[in-house]
């Protein structure tokens, strides 16, 4: 499963950024939170912690 962040739902609270044990989440030049699929291990921590439900598994 590949996780992704839905920009329209993301409030940029930073919870996922702090929670990710693999440091797979970063902020791109357009100030959007993104998940690096090469670093992501599909643990689901980011999705579980996201208060706005902006992270989905595809």
PDB file of N, CA and C in Angstrom:
ATOM      1  N   UNK A   1       0.852  -1.175   0.000  1.00  0.00           N
ATOM      2  CA  UNK A   1       0.000   0.000   0.000  1.00  0.00           C
ATOM      3  C   UNK A   1       0.899   1.239   0.000  1.00  0.00           C
ATOM      4  N   UNK A   2       0.543   2.198  -0.791  1.00  0.00           N
ATOM      5  CA  UNK A   2       1.300   3.457  -0.829  1.00  0.00           C
ATOM      6  C   UNK A   2       0.463   4.554  -0.178  1.00  0.00           C
ATOM      7  N   UNK A   3       1.047   5.252   0.766  1.00  0.00           N
ATOM      8  CA  UNK A   3       0.344   6.343   1.428  1.00  0.00           C
ATOM      9  C   UNK A   3       0.587   7.644   0.684  1.00  0.00           C
ATOM     10  N   UNK A   4      -0.415   8.501   0.714  1.00  0.00           N
ATOM     11  CA  UNK A   4      -0.262   9.828   0.117  1.00  0.00           C
ATOM     12  C   UNK A   4      -1.034  10.837   0.948  1.00  0.00           C
ATOM     13  N   UNK A   5      -0.635  12.090   0.822  1.00  0.00           N
ATOM     14  CA  UNK A   5      -1.262  13.171   1.576  1.00  0.00           C
ATOM     15  C   UNK A   5      -2.151  13.965   0.634  1.00  0.00           C
ATOM     16  N   UNK A   6      -3.409  14.090   1.004  1.00  0.00           N
ATOM     17  CA  UNK A   6      -4.368  14.851   0.206  1.00  0.00           C
ATOM     18  C   UNK A   6      -4.228  16.330   0.563  1.00  0.00           C
ATOM     19  N   UNK A   7      -3.664  17.091  -0.350  1.00  0.00           N
ATOM     20  CA  UNK A   7      -3.343  18.500  -0.092  1.00  0.00           C
ATOM     21  C   UNK A   7      -4.565  19.316   0.320  1.00  0.00           C
ATOM     22  N   UNK A   8      -5.722  19.007  -0.238  1.00  0.00           N
ATOM     23  CA  UNK A   8      -6.924  19.794   0.076  1.00  0.00           C
ATOM     24  C   UNK A   8      -7.419  19.555   1.501  1.00  0.00           C
ATOM     25  N   UNK A   9      -7.073  18.409   2.079  1.00  0.00           N
ATOM     26  CA  UNK A   9      -7.495  18.112   3.446  1.00  0.00           C
ATOM     27  C   UNK A   9      -6.415  18.417   4.481  1.00  0.00           C
ATOM     28  N   UNK A  10      -5.171  18.517   4.028  1.00  0.00           N
ATOM     29  CA  UNK A  10      -4.044  18.723   4.939  1.00  0.00           C
ATOM     30  C   UNK A  10      -4.072  20.128   5.543  1.00  0.00           C
ATOM     31  N   UNK A  11      -3.971  20.196   6.866  1.00  0.00           N
ATOM     32  CA  UNK A  11      -3.959  21.487   7.565  1.00  0.00           C
ATOM     33  C   UNK A  11      -2.534  21.924   7.910  1.00  0.00           C
ATOM     34  N   UNK A  12      -1.561  21.143   7.500  1.00  0.00           N
ATOM     35  CA  UNK A  12      -0.142  21.419   7.742  1.00  0.00           C
ATOM     36  C   UNK A  12       0.179  21.561   9.233  1.00  0.00           C
ATOM     37  N   UNK A  13      -0.435  20.704  10.028  1.00  0.00           N
ATOM     38  CA  UNK A  13      -0.204  20.753  11.473  1.00  0.00           C
ATOM     39  C   UNK A  13       1.161  20.189  11.862  1.00  0.00           C
ATOM     40  N   UNK A  14       1.726  19.325  11.017  1.00  0.00           N
ATOM     41  CA  UNK A  14       3.040  18.760  11.287  1.00  0.00           C
ATOM     42  C   UNK A  14       3.047  17.485  12.109  1.00  0.00           C
ATOM     43  N   UNK A  15       1.880  17.000  12.502  1.00  0.00           N
ATOM     44  CA  UNK A  15       1.828  15.787  13.328  1.00  0.00           C
ATOM     45  C   UNK A  15       2.452  14.593  12.611  1.00  0.00           C
ATOM     46  N   UNK A  16       2.166  14.449  11.335  1.00  0.00           N
ATOM     47  CA  UNK A  16       2.704  13.317  10.576  1.00  0.00           C
ATOM     48  C   UNK A  16       4.215  13.415  10.434  1.00  0.00           C
ATOM     49  N   UNK A  17       4.693  14.609  10.234  1.00  0.00           N
ATOM     50  CA  UNK A  17       6.128  14.856  10.075  1.00  0.00           C
ATOM     51  C   UNK A  17       6.891  14.401  11.320  1.00  0.00           C
ATOM     52  N   UNK A  18       6.340  14.690  12.481  1.00  0.00           N
ATOM     53  CA  UNK A  18       6.964  14.305  13.748  1.00  0.00           C
ATOM     54  C   UNK A  18       6.796  12.817  14.043  1.00  0.00           C
ATOM     55  N   UNK A  19       5.695  12.235  13.601  1.00  0.00           N
ATOM     56  CA  UNK A  19       5.364  10.844  13.931  1.00  0.00           C
ATOM     57  C   UNK A  19       6.095   9.815  13.067  1.00  0.00           C
ATOM     58  N   UNK A  20       6.428  10.150  11.851  1.00  0.00           N
ATOM     59  CA  UNK A  20       7.007   9.182  10.912  1.00  0.00           C
ATOM     60  C   UNK A  20       8.370   8.678  11.398  1.00  0.00           C
ATOM     61  N   UNK A  21       8.481   7.367  11.687  1.00  0.00           N
ATOM     62  CA  UNK A  21       9.746   6.833  12.189  1.00  0.00           C
ATOM     63  C   UNK A  21      10.842   6.758  11.121  1.00  0.00           C
ATOM     64  N   UNK A  22      10.454   6.820   9.856  1.00  0.00           N
ATOM     65  CA  UNK A  22      11.417   6.709   8.760  1.00  0.00           C
ATOM     66  C   UNK A  22      11.806   8.066   8.169  1.00  0.00           C
ATOM     67  N   UNK A  23      11.239   9.134   8.719  1.00  0.00           N
ATOM     68  CA  UNK A  23      11.478  10.489   8.203  1.00  0.00           C
ATOM     69  C   UNK A  23      11.174  10.567   6.706  1.00  0.00           C
ATOM     70  N   UNK A  24      10.061   9.922   6.317  1.00  0.00           N
ATOM     71  CA  UNK A  24       9.661   9.863   4.911  1.00  0.00           C
ATOM     72  C   UNK A  24       8.797  11.048   4.496  1.00  0.00           C
ATOM     73  N   UNK A  25       8.411  11.883   5.446  1.00  0.00           N
ATOM     74  CA  UNK A  25       7.542  13.022   5.148  1.00  0.00           C
ATOM     75  C   UNK A  25       8.351  14.302   5.205  1.00  0.00           C
ATOM     76  N   UNK A  26       8.135  15.127   4.208  1.00  0.00           N
ATOM     77  CA  UNK A  26       8.835  16.411   4.142  1.00  0.00           C
ATOM     78  C   UNK A  26       7.896  17.460   3.565  1.00  0.00           C
ATOM     79  N   UNK A  27       8.378  18.688   3.550  1.00  0.00           N
ATOM     80  CA  UNK A  27       7.607  19.797   2.977  1.00  0.00           C
ATOM     81  C   UNK A  27       8.299  20.191   1.678  1.00  0.00           C
ATOM     82  N   UNK A  28       7.532  20.197   0.582  1.00  0.00           N
ATOM     83  CA  UNK A  28       8.125  20.528  -0.715  1.00  0.00           C
ATOM     84  C   UNK A  28       8.233  22.045  -0.900  1.00  0.00           C
ATOM     85  N   UNK A  29       8.839  22.510  -1.986  1.00  0.00           N
ATOM     86  CA  UNK A  29       9.013  23.954  -2.200  1.00  0.00           C
ATOM     87  C   UNK A  29       7.706  24.754  -2.252  1.00  0.00           C
ATOM     88  N   UNK A  30       6.600  24.076  -2.533  1.00  0.00           N
ATOM     89  CA  UNK A  30       5.299  24.753  -2.571  1.00  0.00           C
ATOM     90  C   UNK A  30       4.594  24.683  -1.217  1.00  0.00           C
ATOM     91  N   UNK A  31       5.337  24.323  -0.158  1.00  0.00           N
ATOM     92  CA  UNK A  31       4.810  24.202   1.208  1.00  0.00           C
ATOM     93  C   UNK A  31       3.736  23.132   1.352  1.00  0.00           C
ATOM     94  N   UNK A  32       3.843  22.058   0.583  1.00  0.00           N
ATOM     95  CA  UNK A  32       2.932  20.920   0.705  1.00  0.00           C
ATOM     96  C   UNK A  32       3.675  19.772   1.377  1.00  0.00           C
ATOM     97  N   UNK A  33       2.985  19.062   2.237  1.00  0.00           N
ATOM     98  CA  UNK A  33       3.568  17.885   2.867  1.00  0.00           C
ATOM     99  C   UNK A  33       3.510  16.739   1.861  1.00  0.00           C
ATOM    100  N   UNK A  34       4.617  16.018   1.714  1.00  0.00           N
ATOM    101  CA  UNK A  34       4.695  14.909   0.766  1.00  0.00           C
ATOM    102  C   UNK A  34       5.382  13.712   1.426  1.00  0.00           C
ATOM    103  N   UNK A  35       5.044  12.526   0.939  1.00  0.00           N
ATOM    104  CA  UNK A  35       5.632  11.288   1.441  1.00  0.00           C
ATOM    105  C   UNK A  35       6.567  10.726   0.381  1.00  0.00           C
ATOM    106  N   UNK A  36       7.787  10.447   0.774  1.00  0.00           N
ATOM    107  CA  UNK A  36       8.771   9.848  -0.127  1.00  0.00           C
ATOM    108  C   UNK A  36       8.517   8.340  -0.153  1.00  0.00           C
ATOM    109  N   UNK A  37       8.052   7.804  -1.287  1.00  0.00           N
ATOM    110  CA  UNK A  37       7.735   6.371  -1.344  1.00  0.00           C
ATOM    111  C   UNK A  37       8.953   5.466  -1.163  1.00  0.00           C
ATOM    112  N   UNK A  38      10.142   5.987  -1.420  1.00  0.00           N
ATOM    113  CA  UNK A  38      11.350   5.188  -1.241  1.00  0.00           C
ATOM    114  C   UNK A  38      11.726   5.026   0.234  1.00  0.00           C
ATOM    115  N   UNK A  39      11.283   5.946   1.074  1.00  0.00           N
ATOM    116  CA  UNK A  39      11.567   5.870   2.512  1.00  0.00           C
ATOM    117  C   UNK A  39      10.406   5.267   3.302  1.00  0.00           C
ATOM    118  N   UNK A  40       9.196   5.407   2.783  1.00  0.00           N
ATOM    119  CA  UNK A  40       7.995   4.951   3.487  1.00  0.00           C
ATOM    120  C   UNK A  40       7.955   3.423   3.572  1.00  0.00           C
ATOM    121  N   UNK A  41       7.681   2.904   4.773  1.00  0.00           N
ATOM    122  CA  UNK A  41       7.574   1.459   4.988  1.00  0.00           C
ATOM    123  C   UNK A  41       6.122   1.015   5.157  1.00  0.00           C
ATOM    124  N   UNK A  42       5.176   1.904   4.898  1.00  0.00           N
ATOM    125  CA  UNK A  42       3.739   1.608   4.996  1.00  0.00           C
ATOM    126  C   UNK A  42       3.311   1.204   6.405  1.00  0.00           C
ATOM    127  N   UNK A  43       3.932   1.791   7.417  1.00  0.00           N
ATOM    128  CA  UNK A  43       3.578   1.437   8.797  1.00  0.00           C
ATOM    129  C   UNK A  43       2.222   2.015   9.217  1.00  0.00           C
ATOM    130  N   UNK A  44       1.803   3.115   8.577  1.00  0.00           N
ATOM    131  CA  UNK A  44       0.510   3.714   8.886  1.00  0.00           C
ATOM    132  C   UNK A  44       0.511   4.705  10.031  1.00  0.00           C
ATOM    133  N   UNK A  45       1.656   4.970  10.627  1.00  0.00           N
ATOM    134  CA  UNK A  45       1.724   5.910  11.753  1.00  0.00           C
ATOM    135  C   UNK A  45       1.211   7.287  11.370  1.00  0.00           C
ATOM    136  N   UNK A  46       1.559   7.731  10.189  1.00  0.00           N
ATOM    137  CA  UNK A  46       1.149   9.062   9.735  1.00  0.00           C
ATOM    138  C   UNK A  46      -0.368   9.149   9.579  1.00  0.00           C
ATOM    139  N   UNK A  47      -0.939   8.109   8.996  1.00  0.00           N
ATOM    140  CA  UNK A  47      -2.386   8.080   8.793  1.00  0.00           C
ATOM    141  C   UNK A  47      -3.126   8.039  10.126  1.00  0.00           C
ATOM    142  N   UNK A  48      -2.601   7.261  11.063  1.00  0.00           N
ATOM    143  CA  UNK A  48      -3.230   7.138  12.379  1.00  0.00           C
ATOM    144  C   UNK A  48      -3.215   8.451  13.156  1.00  0.00           C
ATOM    145  N   UNK A  49      -2.147   9.240  13.012  1.00  0.00           N
ATOM    146  CA  UNK A  49      -1.989  10.460  13.809  1.00  0.00           C
ATOM    147  C   UNK A  49      -2.659  11.676  13.167  1.00  0.00           C
ATOM    148  N   UNK A  50      -2.944  11.625  11.877  1.00  0.00           N
ATOM    149  CA  UNK A  50      -3.463  12.794  11.152  1.00  0.00           C
ATOM    150  C   UNK A  50      -4.863  13.190  11.641  1.00  0.00           C
ATOM    151  N   UNK A  51      -5.003  14.381  12.241  1.00  0.00           N
ATOM    152  CA  UNK A  51      -6.296  14.796  12.778  1.00  0.00           C
ATOM    153  C   UNK A  51      -7.320  15.165  11.708  1.00  0.00           C
ATOM    154  N   UNK A  52      -6.868  15.465  10.504  1.00  0.00           N
ATOM    155  CA  UNK A  52      -7.810  15.868   9.453  1.00  0.00           C
ATOM    156  C   UNK A  52      -8.113  14.749   8.466  1.00  0.00           C
ATOM    157  N   UNK A  53      -7.523  13.581   8.660  1.00  0.00           N
ATOM    158  CA  UNK A  53      -7.773  12.459   7.757  1.00  0.00           C
ATOM    159  C   UNK A  53      -7.227  12.688   6.357  1.00  0.00           C
ATOM    160  N   UNK A  54      -6.147  13.452   6.264  1.00  0.00           N
ATOM    161  CA  UNK A  54      -5.596  13.818   4.960  1.00  0.00           C
ATOM    162  C   UNK A  54      -4.648  12.775   4.381  1.00  0.00           C
ATOM    163  N   UNK A  55      -4.324  11.746   5.143  1.00  0.00           N
ATOM    164  CA  UNK A  55      -3.383  10.737   4.648  1.00  0.00           C
ATOM    165  C   UNK A  55      -4.130   9.440   4.384  1.00  0.00           C
ATOM    166  N   UNK A  56      -4.024   8.993   3.138  1.00  0.00           N
ATOM    167  CA  UNK A  56      -4.738   7.789   2.734  1.00  0.00           C
ATOM    168  C   UNK A  56      -3.777   6.766   2.163  1.00  0.00           C
ATOM    169  N   UNK A  57      -4.153   5.523   2.282  1.00  0.00           N
ATOM    170  CA  UNK A  57      -3.403   4.447   1.650  1.00  0.00           C
ATOM    171  C   UNK A  57      -4.047   4.134   0.320  1.00  0.00           C
ATOM    172  N   UNK A  58      -3.237   4.102  -0.717  1.00  0.00           N
ATOM    173  CA  UNK A  58      -3.789   3.853  -2.059  1.00  0.00           C
ATOM    174  C   UNK A  58      -3.381   2.483  -2.547  1.00  0.00           C
TER     175      UNK A  58
END
